[in-house]
Amino acid sequence: MKIPSSIWTLLIGIVLTLVSLWYGQNHGLLPTAATDEATLVDGLFNTMMTVSTGIFLIVEGFLIYCVFKYRRRPGDNQDGPPIEGNVPLEILWTAIPAIIVLGISVYSFDVYNEIGGFDPHAMHEPPIMQESMAMPGTAIAATLTDTPPSTQPNLNQEKSDAAMQDPATAAVRNADQIPQLRDAPGAGSVAPTLGASSDKQGKPPELLVNVTGLQYAWLFTYPETGISTGELHLPIGREVKINMTANDVIHAFWVPEFRLKQDAIPGRQTELRFTPKTAGDYALICAELCGPYHGAMRTQVVVESPEAFNKWMQEQVVASQETMNQAVAVNPADMSPEEFLAPYTKEMGIHPEMLQHIH
């Protein structure tokens, strides 16, 4: 009995759909999802993998079928039949990709909005900012150049001044040498900002960390306790706000397991908010070419239980106090701060390259 082509098409469609759905959820291409935001990004990625797998199997399968079905037989030297086109088919294969792309675009914006990438409050800016928002292509350039003189407050300067209230942060940032540029035009942003997720907008973060990027290391300070460290520790389940800037050139804060990346820009105060959810040690990588030793600019992010985090915090407070007392007691007057602190870098978790930036 010959099976109708419509039945074959239905069966093949079912098989391709099941294979696509399975592979879209079991591709194994992503590392551990260590934040709440990572789950949303993974959902988008898995959807794109599912759609891409289905399209790939359909296109490649049809090509292979045609290669065997319509291959030239031995002794067949005739020309192929003339084909002038098929308008309904052309409309179909144009409309379907258009619908897919539109659907993924809407889904992508929804995820971007959910993880705090879109701030609806930014649309209620003063008239001057509203005019700048209408200028296409200016948002990216404004991260590197200042805007014309304005009577509007310099929010970058305000955020920098707030961060410098912490003595530990002020000790490692060159804010007095790098002017804080004015607001970047484009949706009222001060600089690249990834704010609170949709369910936490309007609420203060549970933990604040100031991050300073410099060639070729990261330095983290916790304003609540005055701790400075070269290794970032975060508790599970508490929303973290990262305030970032750079002392020299553009760096990029990237933890693959967090599915988030943010630039640290001289003269700009950038922000990143997320909620860790999976314990572990993760690599923090600079994802912006920042000089000849860019590849070595990496450190550890330790996500741990709240109890372990509190214990680590207490240990750091005690250790920093003991180290300071020892430094005051034994530092010879003829040694520079960089020379004296060099033996303590490993104990404090600070890269030696940071010492030249300490005032």
Protein backbone atom coordinates (compact mmCIF):
# COMPACT_ATOMS: atom_id res chain seq x y z
CA MET A 1 0.00 0.00 0.00
CA LYS A 2 1.37 3.40 -1.00
CA ILE A 3 1.30 5.98 1.78
CA PRO A 4 0.01 9.38 0.58
CA SER A 5 2.52 12.21 0.50
CA SER A 6 0.38 14.23 2.91
CA ILE A 7 0.76 11.48 5.54
CA TRP A 8 4.54 11.40 4.98
CA THR A 9 4.67 15.19 5.38
CA LEU A 10 2.70 15.01 8.62
CA LEU A 11 4.92 12.25 10.06
CA ILE A 12 8.12 14.03 9.08
CA GLY A 13 6.79 17.27 10.59
CA ILE A 14 6.02 15.54 13.88
CA VAL A 15 9.48 13.94 14.03
CA LEU A 16 11.24 17.22 13.21
CA THR A 17 9.19 19.06 15.85
CA LEU A 18 10.02 16.50 18.55
CA VAL A 19 13.73 16.47 17.65
CA SER A 20 13.85 20.28 17.65
CA LEU A 21 12.09 20.54 21.00
CA TRP A 22 14.38 17.94 22.54
CA TYR A 23 17.61 19.45 21.25
CA GLY A 24 16.50 22.97 22.11
CA GLN A 25 16.37 21.94 25.78
CA ASN A 26 19.32 19.49 25.81
CA HIS A 27 22.07 21.10 23.73
CA GLY A 28 24.50 21.42 26.64
CA LEU A 29 26.02 24.60 25.22
CA LEU A 30 25.52 26.85 28.25
CA PRO A 31 27.36 26.85 31.60
CA THR A 32 25.59 26.76 34.94
CA ALA A 33 22.82 29.32 35.37
CA ALA A 34 24.00 31.07 38.54
CA THR A 35 21.54 33.99 38.75
CA ASP A 36 17.80 34.49 38.49
CA GLU A 37 18.39 36.56 35.37
CA ALA A 38 20.32 33.71 33.74
CA THR A 39 17.17 31.56 33.74
CA LEU A 40 15.35 34.15 31.61
CA VAL A 41 18.24 34.45 29.17
CA ASP A 42 18.51 30.65 28.92
CA GLY A 43 14.82 30.44 28.05
CA LEU A 44 15.37 32.82 25.14
CA PHE A 45 18.47 30.95 24.01
CA ASN A 46 16.70 27.58 24.17
CA THR A 47 13.80 28.96 22.12
CA MET A 48 16.19 30.21 19.44
CA MET A 49 17.99 26.85 19.46
CA THR A 50 14.67 25.03 19.02
CA VAL A 51 13.63 27.20 16.09
CA SER A 52 17.10 27.08 14.52
CA THR A 53 17.29 23.30 14.82
CA GLY A 54 13.91 22.87 13.13
CA ILE A 55 14.83 25.22 10.27
CA PHE A 56 18.20 23.55 9.82
CA LEU A 57 16.69 20.06 9.65
CA ILE A 58 13.99 21.15 7.21
CA VAL A 59 16.35 22.99 4.85
CA GLU A 60 19.18 20.47 4.93
CA GLY A 61 16.78 17.52 4.81
CA PHE A 62 15.03 18.94 1.76
CA LEU A 63 18.37 19.60 0.04
CA ILE A 64 19.55 16.03 0.64
CA TYR A 65 16.20 14.68 -0.58
CA CYS A 66 16.48 16.73 -3.78
CA VAL A 67 20.06 15.60 -4.38
CA PHE A 68 18.99 11.95 -4.43
CA LYS A 69 15.54 12.37 -5.92
CA TYR A 70 16.54 14.55 -8.87
CA ARG A 71 20.09 13.40 -9.49
CA ARG A 72 21.07 12.79 -13.10
CA ARG A 73 20.62 9.19 -14.10
CA PRO A 74 23.18 7.32 -16.24
CA GLY A 75 22.69 8.13 -19.93
CA ASP A 76 20.49 11.18 -19.25
CA ASN A 77 22.04 14.04 -21.22
CA GLN A 78 18.92 16.20 -21.61
CA ASP A 79 18.44 19.65 -20.13
CA GLY A 80 16.28 20.02 -17.07
CA PRO A 81 12.71 21.36 -17.41
CA PRO A 82 12.43 25.17 -17.35
CA ILE A 83 11.11 26.57 -14.06
CA GLU A 84 9.89 30.17 -14.02
CA GLY A 85 9.05 30.46 -10.33
CA ASN A 86 6.21 30.01 -7.90
CA VAL A 87 4.80 33.20 -6.40
CA PRO A 88 2.77 31.55 -3.58
CA LEU A 89 5.86 29.56 -2.54
CA GLU A 90 8.03 32.69 -2.55
CA ILE A 91 5.47 34.52 -0.41
CA LEU A 92 5.36 31.57 1.98
CA TRP A 93 9.11 31.29 2.51
CA THR A 94 9.34 35.05 3.01
CA ALA A 95 6.40 35.33 5.42
CA ILE A 96 7.41 32.43 7.68
CA PRO A 97 10.94 33.75 8.49
CA ALA A 98 9.50 37.24 8.97
CA ILE A 99 7.01 35.93 11.54
CA ILE A 100 9.75 33.95 13.30
CA VAL A 101 12.09 36.95 13.49
CA LEU A 102 9.28 39.21 14.76
CA GLY A 103 8.31 36.67 17.42
CA ILE A 104 11.91 36.29 18.65
CA SER A 105 12.30 40.08 18.67
CA VAL A 106 9.26 40.50 20.91
CA TYR A 107 10.45 37.68 23.18
CA SER A 108 13.95 39.22 23.34
CA PHE A 109 12.60 42.61 24.36
CA ASP A 110 10.45 40.96 27.01
CA VAL A 111 13.49 39.22 28.50
CA TYR A 112 15.50 42.46 28.30
CA ASN A 113 12.72 44.23 30.13
CA GLU A 114 12.40 41.49 32.76
CA ILE A 115 16.10 41.64 33.69
CA GLY A 116 15.98 45.41 34.10
CA GLY A 117 17.34 46.56 30.75
CA PHE A 118 14.43 48.90 30.07
CA ASP A 119 13.54 51.52 32.65
CA PRO A 120 10.13 53.07 31.94
CA HIS A 121 10.96 55.94 34.30
CA ALA A 122 13.72 57.02 31.91
CA MET A 123 11.08 58.15 29.43
CA HIS A 124 9.99 60.93 31.81
CA GLU A 125 13.04 63.14 31.37
CA PRO A 126 13.27 66.95 31.24
CA PRO A 127 12.70 68.59 27.81
CA ILE A 128 16.42 68.87 27.09
CA MET A 129 16.86 65.13 27.59
CA GLN A 130 13.78 64.41 25.50
CA GLU A 131 15.38 66.28 22.59
CA SER A 132 18.61 64.34 22.93
CA MET A 133 16.69 61.07 23.00
CA ALA A 134 15.42 61.83 19.51
CA MET A 135 18.95 61.98 18.11
CA PRO A 136 19.64 58.63 16.46
CA GLY A 137 22.98 56.97 16.99
CA THR A 138 24.12 59.23 19.84
CA ALA A 139 23.74 56.89 22.81
CA ILE A 140 26.81 54.80 22.05
CA ALA A 141 29.05 57.71 21.16
CA ALA A 142 28.06 59.55 24.31
CA THR A 143 29.60 56.86 26.50
CA LEU A 144 33.00 58.14 25.33
CA THR A 145 32.43 61.86 24.76
CA ASP A 146 30.80 64.54 26.84
CA THR A 147 27.57 66.24 25.83
CA PRO A 148 27.34 70.01 25.30
CA PRO A 149 27.12 72.24 28.42
CA SER A 150 23.79 71.83 30.15
CA THR A 151 21.99 73.07 33.22
CA GLN A 152 20.86 69.54 33.99
CA PRO A 153 22.50 67.76 36.96
CA ASN A 154 25.56 65.66 36.18
CA LEU A 155 24.28 62.32 37.45
CA ASN A 156 27.61 60.64 36.78
CA GLN A 157 29.28 63.14 39.09
CA GLU A 158 26.59 62.63 41.73
CA LYS A 159 27.02 58.85 41.63
CA SER A 160 30.78 59.18 41.74
CA ASP A 161 30.61 61.49 44.76
CA ALA A 162 28.30 59.03 46.53
CA ALA A 163 30.69 56.14 45.90
CA MET A 164 33.67 58.20 47.05
CA GLN A 165 32.06 58.63 50.44
CA ASP A 166 33.38 55.14 51.13
CA PRO A 167 37.06 55.55 52.12
CA ALA A 168 37.95 52.12 50.71
CA THR A 169 36.52 53.07 47.31
CA ALA A 170 38.12 56.52 47.37
CA ALA A 171 41.51 54.88 47.98
CA VAL A 172 41.49 53.03 44.67
CA ARG A 173 39.55 55.27 42.28
CA ASN A 174 41.10 58.10 40.31
CA ALA A 175 37.93 60.17 40.37
CA ASP A 176 39.89 63.36 40.98
CA GLN A 177 41.91 62.74 37.81
CA ILE A 178 39.10 61.55 35.51
CA PRO A 179 36.26 64.05 34.92
CA GLN A 180 32.80 62.58 35.20
CA LEU A 181 31.07 63.15 31.88
CA ARG A 182 27.46 64.23 31.64
CA ASP A 183 24.44 62.06 30.99
CA ALA A 184 24.59 59.96 27.85
CA PRO A 185 21.68 60.85 25.55
CA GLY A 186 19.52 57.86 24.78
CA ALA A 187 16.54 56.78 26.92
CA GLY A 188 17.77 59.10 29.67
CA SER A 189 20.62 56.79 30.64
CA VAL A 190 23.60 58.00 32.63
CA ALA A 191 25.71 55.27 31.07
CA PRO A 192 25.11 51.60 30.18
CA THR A 193 22.82 50.41 32.96
CA LEU A 194 21.14 47.12 33.67
CA GLY A 195 18.76 47.86 36.50
CA ALA A 196 16.49 45.88 38.75
CA SER A 197 14.33 43.11 37.35
CA SER A 198 10.68 43.93 36.76
CA ASP A 199 9.55 42.50 40.09
CA LYS A 200 12.15 44.50 42.06
CA GLN A 201 11.98 47.90 40.36
CA GLY A 202 11.60 50.70 42.85
CA LYS A 203 13.14 48.65 45.66
CA PRO A 204 16.66 49.27 47.01
CA PRO A 205 19.24 46.50 46.45
CA GLU A 206 20.10 44.23 49.35
CA LEU A 207 23.86 44.43 48.80
CA LEU A 208 25.96 47.18 47.24
CA VAL A 209 29.43 46.58 45.82
CA ASN A 210 31.67 49.18 44.21
CA VAL A 211 33.80 47.74 41.42
CA THR A 212 36.86 49.46 39.98
CA GLY A 213 38.51 48.19 36.81
CA LEU A 214 42.16 48.96 36.15
CA GLN A 215 44.97 47.49 34.10
CA TYR A 216 44.91 44.59 34.72
CA ALA A 217 42.78 43.71 37.71
CA TRP A 218 39.44 44.14 39.44
CA LEU A 219 39.07 45.65 42.89
CA PHE A 220 35.88 45.25 44.93
CA THR A 221 34.85 47.37 47.90
CA TYR A 222 31.88 46.85 50.20
CA PRO A 223 30.74 50.30 51.44
CA GLU A 224 28.76 48.83 54.34
CA THR A 225 31.91 47.41 55.94
CA GLY A 226 34.80 49.18 54.21
CA ILE A 227 36.27 45.90 52.99
CA SER A 228 38.49 45.90 49.90
CA THR A 229 39.30 42.67 48.10
CA GLY A 230 40.40 41.31 44.77
CA GLU A 231 37.86 38.47 44.92
CA LEU A 232 34.11 39.08 44.72
CA HIS A 233 31.97 37.25 47.29
CA LEU A 234 28.18 37.26 46.97
CA PRO A 235 25.38 35.65 49.01
CA ILE A 236 22.67 33.50 47.47
CA GLY A 237 19.21 35.02 47.27
CA ARG A 238 20.16 38.67 47.87
CA GLU A 239 19.89 41.17 45.04
CA VAL A 240 23.28 42.73 44.32
CA LYS A 241 23.92 46.15 42.81
CA ILE A 242 27.30 46.63 41.19
CA ASN A 243 28.50 50.22 40.75
CA MET A 244 31.32 50.26 38.21
CA THR A 245 33.87 52.59 36.74
CA ALA A 246 37.42 52.34 35.40
CA ASN A 247 40.64 54.13 36.28
CA ASP A 248 42.26 54.03 32.87
CA VAL A 249 40.61 52.40 29.85
CA ILE A 250 37.33 50.62 29.11
CA HIS A 251 36.98 47.22 30.76
CA ALA A 252 34.03 44.81 30.75
CA PHE A 253 32.61 42.90 33.72
CA TRP A 254 31.55 39.49 32.40
CA VAL A 255 30.65 36.30 34.28
CA PRO A 256 29.39 33.70 31.75
CA GLU A 257 27.34 31.90 34.41
CA PHE A 258 25.47 35.13 35.21
CA ARG A 259 24.57 35.71 31.50
CA LEU A 260 25.26 39.42 32.10
CA LYS A 261 27.98 41.76 30.86
CA GLN A 262 28.56 45.41 31.64
CA ASP A 263 31.25 47.89 30.63
CA ALA A 264 33.37 49.80 33.16
CA ILE A 265 34.08 53.15 31.51
CA PRO A 266 36.39 55.96 32.67
CA GLY A 267 34.30 59.00 33.49
CA ARG A 268 31.07 57.02 33.66
CA GLN A 269 29.24 55.28 36.50
CA THR A 270 27.71 52.09 35.14
CA GLU A 271 25.36 49.78 37.02
CA LEU A 272 24.45 46.12 37.08
CA ARG A 273 21.83 44.42 39.26
CA PHE A 274 21.26 40.69 39.62
CA THR A 275 20.39 38.01 42.17
CA PRO A 276 22.78 35.04 42.62
CA LYS A 277 21.05 31.71 43.06
CA THR A 278 23.61 28.90 42.60
CA ALA A 279 26.61 28.40 44.88
CA GLY A 280 30.00 27.98 43.27
CA ASP A 281 33.21 29.63 42.14
CA TYR A 282 32.92 31.46 38.82
CA ALA A 283 35.45 33.26 36.66
CA LEU A 284 35.09 37.01 36.23
CA ILE A 285 36.57 37.89 32.85
CA CYS A 286 37.33 41.23 31.28
CA ALA A 287 35.54 41.04 27.92
CA GLU A 288 36.97 44.28 26.50
CA LEU A 289 40.47 44.40 25.00
CA CYS A 290 42.20 46.67 27.52
CA GLY A 291 45.90 46.26 26.80
CA PRO A 292 48.69 43.71 26.29
CA TYR A 293 47.86 41.76 29.49
CA HIS A 294 44.10 41.78 28.89
CA GLY A 295 43.95 37.97 28.94
CA ALA A 296 45.24 37.89 32.51
CA MET A 297 42.58 40.27 33.83
CA ARG A 298 40.37 37.77 35.56
CA THR A 299 39.45 36.82 39.10
CA GLN A 300 36.99 34.67 41.04
CA VAL A 301 33.38 35.32 41.98
CA VAL A 302 32.34 33.20 44.94
CA VAL A 303 28.60 32.68 45.35
CA GLU A 304 27.86 31.16 48.74
CA SER A 305 25.17 30.77 51.35
CA PRO A 306 24.23 33.84 53.41
CA GLU A 307 25.81 32.23 56.48
CA ALA A 308 29.11 31.59 54.68
CA PHE A 309 29.06 35.10 53.24
CA ASN A 310 28.53 36.69 56.66
CA LYS A 311 31.35 34.59 58.08
CA TRP A 312 33.67 35.64 55.25
CA MET A 313 32.71 39.28 55.78
CA GLN A 314 33.54 39.08 59.49
CA GLU A 315 36.87 37.42 58.71
CA GLN A 316 37.72 40.17 56.24
CA VAL A 317 36.90 42.89 58.73
CA VAL A 318 39.18 41.29 61.34
CA ALA A 319 41.92 40.53 58.83
CA SER A 320 41.92 44.04 57.39
CA GLN A 321 42.15 45.54 60.86
CA GLU A 322 45.03 43.24 61.84
CA THR A 323 46.84 43.93 58.58
CA MET A 324 46.45 47.69 59.07
CA ASN A 325 47.73 47.52 62.65
CA GLN A 326 50.70 45.45 61.54
CA ALA A 327 51.42 47.84 58.69
CA VAL A 328 51.38 50.85 61.01
CA ALA A 329 53.61 49.05 63.51
CA VAL A 330 56.33 47.67 61.26
CA ASN A 331 56.42 49.74 58.05
CA PRO A 332 59.84 51.36 57.85
CA ALA A 333 59.78 55.00 56.90
CA ASP A 334 62.05 54.38 53.92
CA MET A 335 59.66 51.94 52.19
CA SER A 336 57.02 53.10 49.73
CA PRO A 337 53.43 51.82 50.20
CA GLU A 338 53.79 49.70 47.05
CA GLU A 339 57.01 48.07 48.30
CA PHE A 340 55.64 47.41 51.77
CA LEU A 341 52.27 46.00 50.68
CA ALA A 342 53.71 43.66 48.04
CA PRO A 343 54.11 40.66 50.45
CA TYR A 344 50.49 41.00 51.56
CA THR A 345 48.85 40.90 48.15
CA LYS A 346 48.26 37.15 48.12
CA GLU A 347 46.79 37.17 51.61
CA MET A 348 44.41 40.01 50.74
CA GLY A 349 43.44 38.52 47.39
CA ILE A 350 44.73 41.56 45.51
CA HIS A 351 46.68 41.43 42.27
CA PRO A 352 50.13 43.06 42.51
CA GLU A 353 49.22 45.31 39.56
CA MET A 354 46.72 47.12 41.77
CA LEU A 355 49.36 48.51 44.10
CA GLN A 356 50.57 51.16 41.69
CA HIS A 357 47.05 52.66 41.70
CA ILE A 358 46.80 52.98 45.48
CA HIS A 359 47.38 56.53 46.70
